[in-house]
């Protein structure tokens, strides 16, 4: 799934994995040292590569 682009950021194991209606996967993971910060990534196509990790705003990941 690639690395998070933010310096000194490590992610825990995924906290949520969802299969979208079109067959893509959406993954959410928290920063290992900051429980309130999370990141998300989504496959670009079913069974295809993932996009890039995106930081979730303070309202959380969708």
N, C-alpha and C. Protein backbone atom coordinates (compact mmCIF):
# COMPACT_ATOMS: atom_id res chain seq x y z
N UNK A 1 0.81 -1.20 0.00
CA UNK A 1 0.00 0.00 0.00
C UNK A 1 0.85 1.25 0.00
N UNK A 2 2.12 1.12 0.16
CA UNK A 2 2.99 2.28 0.13
C UNK A 2 3.17 2.91 1.48
N UNK A 3 4.04 3.89 1.52
CA UNK A 3 4.36 4.58 2.76
C UNK A 3 3.59 5.90 2.85
N UNK A 4 3.36 6.32 4.07
CA UNK A 4 2.77 7.65 4.31
C UNK A 4 3.84 8.67 3.97
N UNK A 5 3.46 9.73 3.29
CA UNK A 5 4.44 10.72 2.84
C UNK A 5 4.90 11.67 3.94
N UNK A 6 4.17 11.77 5.04
CA UNK A 6 4.56 12.65 6.14
C UNK A 6 5.78 12.09 6.86
N UNK A 7 6.74 12.93 7.14
CA UNK A 7 7.96 12.50 7.82
C UNK A 7 7.65 12.00 9.22
N UNK A 8 8.37 10.98 9.65
CA UNK A 8 8.27 10.43 11.01
C UNK A 8 6.87 9.94 11.36
N UNK A 9 6.14 9.45 10.38
CA UNK A 9 4.79 8.95 10.63
C UNK A 9 4.77 7.45 10.40
N UNK A 10 4.35 6.72 11.42
CA UNK A 10 4.19 5.28 11.29
C UNK A 10 2.75 4.92 11.60
N UNK A 11 2.24 3.91 10.92
CA UNK A 11 0.85 3.52 11.10
C UNK A 11 0.74 2.19 11.81
N UNK A 12 -0.32 2.06 12.59
CA UNK A 12 -0.62 0.80 13.26
C UNK A 12 -1.27 -0.14 12.25
N UNK A 13 -1.67 -1.31 12.71
CA UNK A 13 -2.43 -2.20 11.84
C UNK A 13 -3.73 -1.50 11.48
N UNK A 14 -4.31 -1.82 10.32
CA UNK A 14 -5.57 -1.18 9.93
C UNK A 14 -6.64 -1.32 11.00
N UNK A 15 -7.34 -0.23 11.25
CA UNK A 15 -8.44 -0.26 12.22
C UNK A 15 -9.76 -0.53 11.53
N UNK A 16 -9.80 -0.34 10.20
CA UNK A 16 -11.02 -0.60 9.44
C UNK A 16 -10.65 -0.90 7.99
N UNK A 17 -11.24 -1.96 7.46
CA UNK A 17 -11.11 -2.29 6.04
C UNK A 17 -12.52 -2.50 5.51
N UNK A 18 -12.87 -1.77 4.48
CA UNK A 18 -14.22 -1.87 3.93
C UNK A 18 -14.15 -2.19 2.44
N UNK A 19 -15.02 -3.08 2.00
CA UNK A 19 -15.18 -3.36 0.57
C UNK A 19 -16.23 -2.41 0.03
N UNK A 20 -15.85 -1.61 -0.95
CA UNK A 20 -16.79 -0.66 -1.56
C UNK A 20 -17.66 -1.38 -2.58
N UNK A 21 -18.76 -0.78 -2.97
CA UNK A 21 -19.72 -1.40 -3.88
C UNK A 21 -19.09 -1.78 -5.22
N UNK A 22 -18.06 -1.05 -5.65
CA UNK A 22 -17.43 -1.34 -6.95
C UNK A 22 -16.27 -2.34 -6.84
N UNK A 23 -16.07 -2.93 -5.65
CA UNK A 23 -15.05 -3.95 -5.47
C UNK A 23 -13.71 -3.43 -4.96
N UNK A 24 -13.56 -2.13 -4.82
CA UNK A 24 -12.32 -1.58 -4.28
C UNK A 24 -12.31 -1.71 -2.77
N UNK A 25 -11.11 -1.69 -2.18
CA UNK A 25 -10.97 -1.70 -0.73
C UNK A 25 -10.61 -0.31 -0.23
N UNK A 26 -11.15 0.03 0.93
CA UNK A 26 -10.86 1.29 1.62
C UNK A 26 -10.31 0.93 2.99
N UNK A 27 -9.11 1.44 3.32
CA UNK A 27 -8.42 1.07 4.55
C UNK A 27 -8.18 2.32 5.39
N UNK A 28 -8.41 2.19 6.70
CA UNK A 28 -8.15 3.26 7.66
C UNK A 28 -7.18 2.72 8.70
N UNK A 29 -6.16 3.52 9.04
CA UNK A 29 -5.19 3.13 10.07
C UNK A 29 -4.84 4.35 10.91
N UNK A 30 -4.61 4.12 12.21
CA UNK A 30 -4.21 5.20 13.12
C UNK A 30 -2.69 5.30 13.17
N UNK A 31 -2.20 6.50 13.45
CA UNK A 31 -0.77 6.65 13.68
C UNK A 31 -0.41 5.89 14.94
N UNK A 32 0.70 5.22 14.95
CA UNK A 32 1.07 4.37 16.08
C UNK A 32 1.33 5.19 17.34
N UNK A 33 1.69 6.44 17.21
CA UNK A 33 2.01 7.27 18.39
C UNK A 33 0.99 8.38 18.63
N UNK A 34 -0.14 8.35 17.94
CA UNK A 34 -1.15 9.39 18.11
C UNK A 34 -2.53 8.81 17.78
N UNK A 35 -3.19 8.25 18.78
CA UNK A 35 -4.46 7.56 18.57
C UNK A 35 -5.53 8.41 17.90
N UNK A 36 -5.45 9.72 18.06
CA UNK A 36 -6.51 10.56 17.51
C UNK A 36 -6.26 10.94 16.06
N UNK A 37 -5.12 10.55 15.50
CA UNK A 37 -4.82 10.88 14.10
C UNK A 37 -4.91 9.62 13.25
N UNK A 38 -5.59 9.72 12.12
CA UNK A 38 -5.70 8.55 11.26
C UNK A 38 -5.47 8.93 9.80
N UNK A 39 -5.21 7.88 9.02
CA UNK A 39 -4.93 8.01 7.60
C UNK A 39 -5.80 7.02 6.85
N UNK A 40 -6.09 7.29 5.59
CA UNK A 40 -6.91 6.39 4.79
C UNK A 40 -6.32 6.23 3.40
N UNK A 41 -6.62 5.08 2.80
CA UNK A 41 -6.16 4.80 1.44
C UNK A 41 -7.23 3.96 0.76
N UNK A 42 -7.39 4.14 -0.54
CA UNK A 42 -8.39 3.41 -1.30
C UNK A 42 -7.76 2.88 -2.58
N UNK A 43 -8.14 1.67 -2.96
CA UNK A 43 -7.68 1.13 -4.23
C UNK A 43 -8.21 1.98 -5.37
N UNK A 44 -7.41 2.11 -6.43
CA UNK A 44 -7.82 2.89 -7.59
C UNK A 44 -8.82 2.12 -8.45
N UNK A 45 -8.72 0.79 -8.43
CA UNK A 45 -9.66 -0.07 -9.14
C UNK A 45 -9.72 -1.40 -8.42
N UNK A 46 -10.77 -2.16 -8.64
CA UNK A 46 -10.90 -3.46 -7.99
C UNK A 46 -9.70 -4.33 -8.36
N UNK A 47 -9.08 -4.94 -7.35
CA UNK A 47 -7.88 -5.78 -7.53
C UNK A 47 -6.70 -5.01 -8.10
N UNK A 48 -6.77 -3.68 -8.08
CA UNK A 48 -5.70 -2.86 -8.63
C UNK A 48 -4.85 -2.23 -7.54
N UNK A 49 -3.96 -1.35 -7.94
CA UNK A 49 -3.09 -0.67 -6.98
C UNK A 49 -3.88 0.34 -6.14
N UNK A 50 -3.25 0.76 -5.07
CA UNK A 50 -3.85 1.77 -4.20
C UNK A 50 -3.39 3.16 -4.59
N UNK A 51 -4.19 4.14 -4.22
CA UNK A 51 -3.79 5.53 -4.38
C UNK A 51 -2.76 5.85 -3.30
N UNK A 52 -2.68 7.08 -2.88
CA UNK A 52 -1.74 7.46 -1.83
C UNK A 52 -2.49 7.63 -0.51
N UNK A 53 -1.75 7.48 0.57
CA UNK A 53 -2.34 7.68 1.90
C UNK A 53 -2.76 9.14 2.04
N UNK A 54 -3.93 9.35 2.62
CA UNK A 54 -4.46 10.69 2.85
C UNK A 54 -4.73 10.87 4.34
N UNK A 55 -4.27 11.98 4.89
CA UNK A 55 -4.53 12.29 6.29
C UNK A 55 -6.00 12.62 6.46
N UNK A 56 -6.60 12.10 7.51
CA UNK A 56 -8.00 12.38 7.81
C UNK A 56 -8.09 13.63 8.67
N UNK A 57 -9.06 14.49 8.41
CA UNK A 57 -9.22 15.67 9.27
C UNK A 57 -9.63 15.27 10.68
N UNK A 58 -9.67 16.22 11.56
CA UNK A 58 -9.97 15.94 12.98
C UNK A 58 -11.35 15.31 13.16
N UNK A 59 -12.20 15.40 12.18
CA UNK A 59 -13.53 14.79 12.28
C UNK A 59 -13.49 13.28 12.06
N UNK A 60 -12.34 12.75 11.66
CA UNK A 60 -12.19 11.32 11.47
C UNK A 60 -12.26 10.91 10.02
N UNK A 61 -12.02 9.64 9.79
CA UNK A 61 -12.02 9.12 8.42
C UNK A 61 -13.40 8.63 8.04
N UNK A 62 -13.73 8.85 6.80
CA UNK A 62 -15.03 8.39 6.29
C UNK A 62 -14.89 6.99 5.74
